[in-house]
């Protein structure tokens, strides 16, 4: 049975910036179908549970 995973990057462009910068990333993990993987990604993003590294802001700081 195939498995599906969606890898994603979240980028933001601040006012006055010319380009977007990475502020987070993540993966849905292994899912049995594309819809399940998409649902998992949506949940991770809505619940601010994506991963960060380096000087990326913490997820809870993004909307502040």
PDB file of N, CA and C in Angstrom:
ATOM      1  N   UNK A   1       0.850  -1.179   0.000  1.00  0.00           N
ATOM      2  CA  UNK A   1       0.000   0.000   0.000  1.00  0.00           C
ATOM      3  C   UNK A   1       0.895   1.242   0.000  1.00  0.00           C
ATOM      4  N   UNK A   2       0.632   2.201  -0.862  1.00  0.00           N
ATOM      5  CA  UNK A   2       1.485   3.401  -0.903  1.00  0.00           C
ATOM      6  C   UNK A   2       1.252   4.303   0.299  1.00  0.00           C
ATOM      7  N   UNK A   3       2.280   5.067   0.616  1.00  0.00           N
ATOM      8  CA  UNK A   3       2.178   6.096   1.649  1.00  0.00           C
ATOM      9  C   UNK A   3       2.479   7.434   1.007  1.00  0.00           C
ATOM     10  N   UNK A   4       1.948   8.480   1.596  1.00  0.00           N
ATOM     11  CA  UNK A   4       2.137   9.827   1.083  1.00  0.00           C
ATOM     12  C   UNK A   4       2.618  10.736   2.205  1.00  0.00           C
ATOM     13  N   UNK A   5       3.482  11.662   1.834  1.00  0.00           N
ATOM     14  CA  UNK A   5       3.973  12.646   2.789  1.00  0.00           C
ATOM     15  C   UNK A   5       4.056  13.988   2.076  1.00  0.00           C
ATOM     16  N   UNK A   6       3.661  15.031   2.764  1.00  0.00           N
ATOM     17  CA  UNK A   6       3.786  16.382   2.232  1.00  0.00           C
ATOM     18  C   UNK A   6       4.835  17.101   3.072  1.00  0.00           C
ATOM     19  N   UNK A   7       5.914  17.552   2.429  1.00  0.00           N
ATOM     20  CA  UNK A   7       6.922  18.395   3.072  1.00  0.00           C
ATOM     21  C   UNK A   7       6.570  19.838   2.745  1.00  0.00           C
ATOM     22  N   UNK A   8       6.673  20.711   3.735  1.00  0.00           N
ATOM     23  CA  UNK A   8       6.309  22.098   3.482  1.00  0.00           C
ATOM     24  C   UNK A   8       7.274  23.076   4.137  1.00  0.00           C
ATOM     25  N   UNK A   9       7.301  24.271   3.568  1.00  0.00           N
ATOM     26  CA  UNK A   9       8.061  25.392   4.096  1.00  0.00           C
ATOM     27  C   UNK A   9       7.109  26.572   4.208  1.00  0.00           C
ATOM     28  N   UNK A  10       7.186  27.287   5.304  1.00  0.00           N
ATOM     29  CA  UNK A  10       6.391  28.495   5.481  1.00  0.00           C
ATOM     30  C   UNK A  10       7.336  29.678   5.324  1.00  0.00           C
ATOM     31  N   UNK A  11       6.943  30.599   4.473  1.00  0.00           N
ATOM     32  CA  UNK A  11       7.758  31.785   4.227  1.00  0.00           C
ATOM     33  C   UNK A  11       6.948  33.045   4.505  1.00  0.00           C
ATOM     34  N   UNK A  12       7.669  34.114   4.857  1.00  0.00           N
ATOM     35  CA  UNK A  12       7.011  35.395   5.147  1.00  0.00           C
ATOM     36  C   UNK A  12       7.838  36.506   4.521  1.00  0.00           C
ATOM     37  N   UNK A  13       7.135  37.515   4.016  1.00  0.00           N
ATOM     38  CA  UNK A  13       7.802  38.725   3.523  1.00  0.00           C
ATOM     39  C   UNK A  13       7.311  39.886   4.370  1.00  0.00           C
ATOM     40  N   UNK A  14       8.211  40.483   5.091  1.00  0.00           N
ATOM     41  CA  UNK A  14       7.864  41.625   5.942  1.00  0.00           C
ATOM     42  C   UNK A  14       7.726  42.876   5.090  1.00  0.00           C
ATOM     43  N   UNK A  15       6.989  43.834   5.596  1.00  0.00           N
ATOM     44  CA  UNK A  15       6.820  45.106   4.897  1.00  0.00           C
ATOM     45  C   UNK A  15       8.189  45.711   4.613  1.00  0.00           C
ATOM     46  N   UNK A  16       8.398  46.109   3.387  1.00  0.00           N
ATOM     47  CA  UNK A  16       9.666  46.708   2.996  1.00  0.00           C
ATOM     48  C   UNK A  16      10.707  45.725   2.508  1.00  0.00           C
ATOM     49  N   UNK A  17      10.499  44.441   2.744  1.00  0.00           N
ATOM     50  CA  UNK A  17      11.443  43.421   2.263  1.00  0.00           C
ATOM     51  C   UNK A  17      11.155  43.107   0.805  1.00  0.00           C
ATOM     52  N   UNK A  18      12.199  42.797   0.051  1.00  0.00           N
ATOM     53  CA  UNK A  18      12.029  42.442  -1.351  1.00  0.00           C
ATOM     54  C   UNK A  18      11.699  40.966  -1.541  1.00  0.00           C
ATOM     55  N   UNK A  19      12.114  40.124  -0.608  1.00  0.00           N
ATOM     56  CA  UNK A  19      11.965  38.691  -0.798  1.00  0.00           C
ATOM     57  C   UNK A  19      11.370  38.044   0.445  1.00  0.00           C
ATOM     58  N   UNK A  20      10.879  36.824   0.273  1.00  0.00           N
ATOM     59  CA  UNK A  20      10.363  36.028   1.372  1.00  0.00           C
ATOM     60  C   UNK A  20      11.514  35.340   2.100  1.00  0.00           C
ATOM     61  N   UNK A  21      11.350  35.104   3.405  1.00  0.00           N
ATOM     62  CA  UNK A  21      12.320  34.332   4.180  1.00  0.00           C
ATOM     63  C   UNK A  21      11.593  33.177   4.856  1.00  0.00           C
ATOM     64  N   UNK A  22      12.301  32.081   5.046  1.00  0.00           N
ATOM     65  CA  UNK A  22      11.730  30.907   5.705  1.00  0.00           C
ATOM     66  C   UNK A  22      11.489  31.204   7.178  1.00  0.00           C
ATOM     67  N   UNK A  23      10.296  30.861   7.660  1.00  0.00           N
ATOM     68  CA  UNK A  23       9.998  31.024   9.082  1.00  0.00           C
ATOM     69  C   UNK A  23       9.574  29.703   9.725  1.00  0.00           C
ATOM     70  N   UNK A  24       9.463  28.637   8.939  1.00  0.00           N
ATOM     71  CA  UNK A  24       9.087  27.342   9.487  1.00  0.00           C
ATOM     72  C   UNK A  24       9.034  26.276   8.426  1.00  0.00           C
ATOM     73  N   UNK A  25       8.950  25.028   8.883  1.00  0.00           N
ATOM     74  CA  UNK A  25       8.920  23.905   7.965  1.00  0.00           C
ATOM     75  C   UNK A  25       8.310  22.704   8.677  1.00  0.00           C
ATOM     76  N   UNK A  26       7.994  21.682   7.932  1.00  0.00           N
ATOM     77  CA  UNK A  26       7.452  20.487   8.541  1.00  0.00           C
ATOM     78  C   UNK A  26       7.094  19.436   7.518  1.00  0.00           C
ATOM     79  N   UNK A  27       6.480  18.375   8.008  1.00  0.00           N
ATOM     80  CA  UNK A  27       6.099  17.250   7.181  1.00  0.00           C
ATOM     81  C   UNK A  27       4.874  16.591   7.777  1.00  0.00           C
ATOM     82  N   UNK A  28       4.050  16.031   6.901  1.00  0.00           N
ATOM     83  CA  UNK A  28       2.846  15.349   7.369  1.00  0.00           C
ATOM     84  C   UNK A  28       3.142  13.967   7.936  1.00  0.00           C
ATOM     85  N   UNK A  29       4.331  13.437   7.715  1.00  0.00           N
ATOM     86  CA  UNK A  29       4.609  12.061   8.090  1.00  0.00           C
ATOM     87  C   UNK A  29       4.018  11.131   7.051  1.00  0.00           C
ATOM     88  N   UNK A  30       4.051   9.848   7.278  1.00  0.00           N
ATOM     89  CA  UNK A  30       3.509   8.887   6.321  1.00  0.00           C
ATOM     90  C   UNK A  30       2.016   8.720   6.494  1.00  0.00           C
ATOM     91  N   UNK A  31       1.257   8.956   5.433  1.00  0.00           N
ATOM     92  CA  UNK A  31      -0.199   8.854   5.480  1.00  0.00           C
ATOM     93  C   UNK A  31      -0.682   7.918   4.377  1.00  0.00           C
ATOM     94  N   UNK A  32      -1.820   7.308   4.571  1.00  0.00           N
ATOM     95  CA  UNK A  32      -2.360   6.339   3.628  1.00  0.00           C
ATOM     96  C   UNK A  32      -2.908   6.922   2.346  1.00  0.00           C
ATOM     97  N   UNK A  33      -3.238   8.231   2.356  1.00  0.00           N
ATOM     98  CA  UNK A  33      -3.696   8.870   1.124  1.00  0.00           C
ATOM     99  C   UNK A  33      -3.372  10.361   1.170  1.00  0.00           C
ATOM    100  N   UNK A  34      -3.497  11.005   0.022  1.00  0.00           N
ATOM    101  CA  UNK A  34      -3.138  12.415  -0.094  1.00  0.00           C
ATOM    102  C   UNK A  34      -4.023  13.287   0.797  1.00  0.00           C
ATOM    103  N   UNK A  35      -5.302  12.976   0.880  1.00  0.00           N
ATOM    104  CA  UNK A  35      -6.206  13.782   1.711  1.00  0.00           C
ATOM    105  C   UNK A  35      -5.808  13.739   3.182  1.00  0.00           C
ATOM    106  N   UNK A  36      -5.405  12.583   3.656  1.00  0.00           N
ATOM    107  CA  UNK A  36      -4.970  12.465   5.045  1.00  0.00           C
ATOM    108  C   UNK A  36      -3.702  13.283   5.286  1.00  0.00           C
ATOM    109  N   UNK A  37      -2.780  13.256   4.337  1.00  0.00           N
ATOM    110  CA  UNK A  37      -1.550  14.043   4.459  1.00  0.00           C
ATOM    111  C   UNK A  37      -1.870  15.535   4.461  1.00  0.00           C
ATOM    112  N   UNK A  38      -2.769  15.967   3.587  1.00  0.00           N
ATOM    113  CA  UNK A  38      -3.163  17.372   3.528  1.00  0.00           C
ATOM    114  C   UNK A  38      -3.840  17.802   4.830  1.00  0.00           C
ATOM    115  N   UNK A  39      -4.675  16.942   5.382  1.00  0.00           N
ATOM    116  CA  UNK A  39      -5.355  17.248   6.641  1.00  0.00           C
ATOM    117  C   UNK A  39      -4.326  17.419   7.764  1.00  0.00           C
ATOM    118  N   UNK A  40      -3.322  16.553   7.786  1.00  0.00           N
ATOM    119  CA  UNK A  40      -2.299  16.640   8.824  1.00  0.00           C
ATOM    120  C   UNK A  40      -1.509  17.936   8.711  1.00  0.00           C
ATOM    121  N   UNK A  41      -1.151  18.325   7.480  1.00  0.00           N
ATOM    122  CA  UNK A  41      -0.433  19.587   7.274  1.00  0.00           C
ATOM    123  C   UNK A  41      -1.287  20.766   7.729  1.00  0.00           C
ATOM    124  N   UNK A  42      -2.563  20.770   7.346  1.00  0.00           N
ATOM    125  CA  UNK A  42      -3.467  21.846   7.760  1.00  0.00           C
ATOM    126  C   UNK A  42      -3.537  21.950   9.281  1.00  0.00           C
ATOM    127  N   UNK A  43      -3.615  20.817   9.947  1.00  0.00           N
ATOM    128  CA  UNK A  43      -3.681  20.803  11.406  1.00  0.00           C
ATOM    129  C   UNK A  43      -2.394  21.351  12.024  1.00  0.00           C
ATOM    130  N   UNK A  44      -1.250  20.941  11.498  1.00  0.00           N
ATOM    131  CA  UNK A  44       0.037  21.428  12.010  1.00  0.00           C
ATOM    132  C   UNK A  44       0.118  22.943  11.894  1.00  0.00           C
ATOM    133  N   UNK A  45      -0.296  23.471  10.746  1.00  0.00           N
ATOM    134  CA  UNK A  45      -0.216  24.915  10.518  1.00  0.00           C
ATOM    135  C   UNK A  45      -1.215  25.666  11.401  1.00  0.00           C
ATOM    136  N   UNK A  46      -2.465  25.219  11.431  1.00  0.00           N
ATOM    137  CA  UNK A  46      -3.481  25.906  12.234  1.00  0.00           C
ATOM    138  C   UNK A  46      -3.142  25.904  13.716  1.00  0.00           C
ATOM    139  N   UNK A  47      -2.530  24.831  14.192  1.00  0.00           N
ATOM    140  CA  UNK A  47      -2.193  24.717  15.614  1.00  0.00           C
ATOM    141  C   UNK A  47      -0.802  25.240  15.944  1.00  0.00           C
ATOM    142  N   UNK A  48      -0.153  25.862  14.946  1.00  0.00           N
ATOM    143  CA  UNK A  48       1.180  26.462  15.118  1.00  0.00           C
ATOM    144  C   UNK A  48       2.177  25.458  15.687  1.00  0.00           C
ATOM    145  N   UNK A  49       2.246  24.275  15.071  1.00  0.00           N
ATOM    146  CA  UNK A  49       3.136  23.215  15.546  1.00  0.00           C
ATOM    147  C   UNK A  49       4.251  22.897  14.559  1.00  0.00           C
ATOM    148  N   UNK A  50       4.535  23.821  13.611  1.00  0.00           N
ATOM    149  CA  UNK A  50       5.601  23.552  12.667  1.00  0.00           C
ATOM    150  C   UNK A  50       6.955  23.701  13.351  1.00  0.00           C
ATOM    151  N   UNK A  51       7.986  23.249  12.689  1.00  0.00           N
ATOM    152  CA  UNK A  51       9.338  23.284  13.233  1.00  0.00           C
ATOM    153  C   UNK A  51      10.042  24.565  12.819  1.00  0.00           C
ATOM    154  N   UNK A  52      11.033  24.952  13.613  1.00  0.00           N
ATOM    155  CA  UNK A  52      11.855  26.113  13.307  1.00  0.00           C
ATOM    156  C   UNK A  52      13.315  25.758  13.555  1.00  0.00           C
ATOM    157  N   UNK A  53      14.191  26.573  13.008  1.00  0.00           N
ATOM    158  CA  UNK A  53      15.620  26.415  13.277  1.00  0.00           C
ATOM    159  C   UNK A  53      16.299  27.766  13.150  1.00  0.00           C
ATOM    160  N   UNK A  54      17.490  27.855  13.700  1.00  0.00           N
ATOM    161  CA  UNK A  54      18.272  29.084  13.585  1.00  0.00           C
ATOM    162  C   UNK A  54      17.538  30.295  14.119  1.00  0.00           C
ATOM    163  N   UNK A  55      17.448  31.343  13.304  1.00  0.00           N
ATOM    164  CA  UNK A  55      16.836  32.596  13.744  1.00  0.00           C
ATOM    165  C   UNK A  55      15.370  32.721  13.347  1.00  0.00           C
ATOM    166  N   UNK A  56      14.736  31.590  13.004  1.00  0.00           N
ATOM    167  CA  UNK A  56      13.301  31.618  12.684  1.00  0.00           C
ATOM    168  C   UNK A  56      12.508  31.931  13.940  1.00  0.00           C
ATOM    169  N   UNK A  57      11.425  32.737  13.803  1.00  0.00           N
ATOM    170  CA  UNK A  57      10.604  33.021  14.984  1.00  0.00           C
ATOM    171  C   UNK A  57       9.839  31.768  15.428  1.00  0.00           C
ATOM    172  N   UNK A  58       9.511  31.727  16.692  1.00  0.00           N
ATOM    173  CA  UNK A  58       8.696  30.637  17.197  1.00  0.00           C
ATOM    174  C   UNK A  58       7.299  30.764  16.597  1.00  0.00           C
ATOM    175  N   UNK A  59       6.625  29.641  16.344  1.00  0.00           N
ATOM    176  CA  UNK A  59       5.311  29.703  15.701  1.00  0.00           C
ATOM    177  C   UNK A  59       4.313  30.638  16.391  1.00  0.00           C
ATOM    178  N   UNK A  60       4.310  30.667  17.716  1.00  0.00           N
ATOM    179  CA  UNK A  60       3.360  31.514  18.432  1.00  0.00           C
ATOM    180  C   UNK A  60       3.682  33.001  18.297  1.00  0.00           C
ATOM    181  N   UNK A  61       4.890  33.350  17.822  1.00  0.00           N
ATOM    182  CA  UNK A  61       5.278  34.728  17.621  1.00  0.00           C
ATOM    183  C   UNK A  61       4.902  35.258  16.240  1.00  0.00           C
ATOM    184  N   UNK A  62       4.516  34.389  15.330  1.00  0.00           N
ATOM    185  CA  UNK A  62       4.304  34.774  13.929  1.00  0.00           C
ATOM    186  C   UNK A  62       3.165  35.772  13.778  1.00  0.00           C
ATOM    187  N   UNK A  63       2.065  35.593  14.454  1.00  0.00           N
ATOM    188  CA  UNK A  63       0.920  36.472  14.323  1.00  0.00           C
ATOM    189  C   UNK A  63       0.912  37.640  15.303  1.00  0.00           C
ATOM    190  N   UNK A  64       1.880  37.652  16.196  1.00  0.00           N
ATOM    191  CA  UNK A  64       1.919  38.708  17.231  1.00  0.00           C
ATOM    192  C   UNK A  64       2.314  40.048  16.661  1.00  0.00           C
TER     193      UNK A  64
END
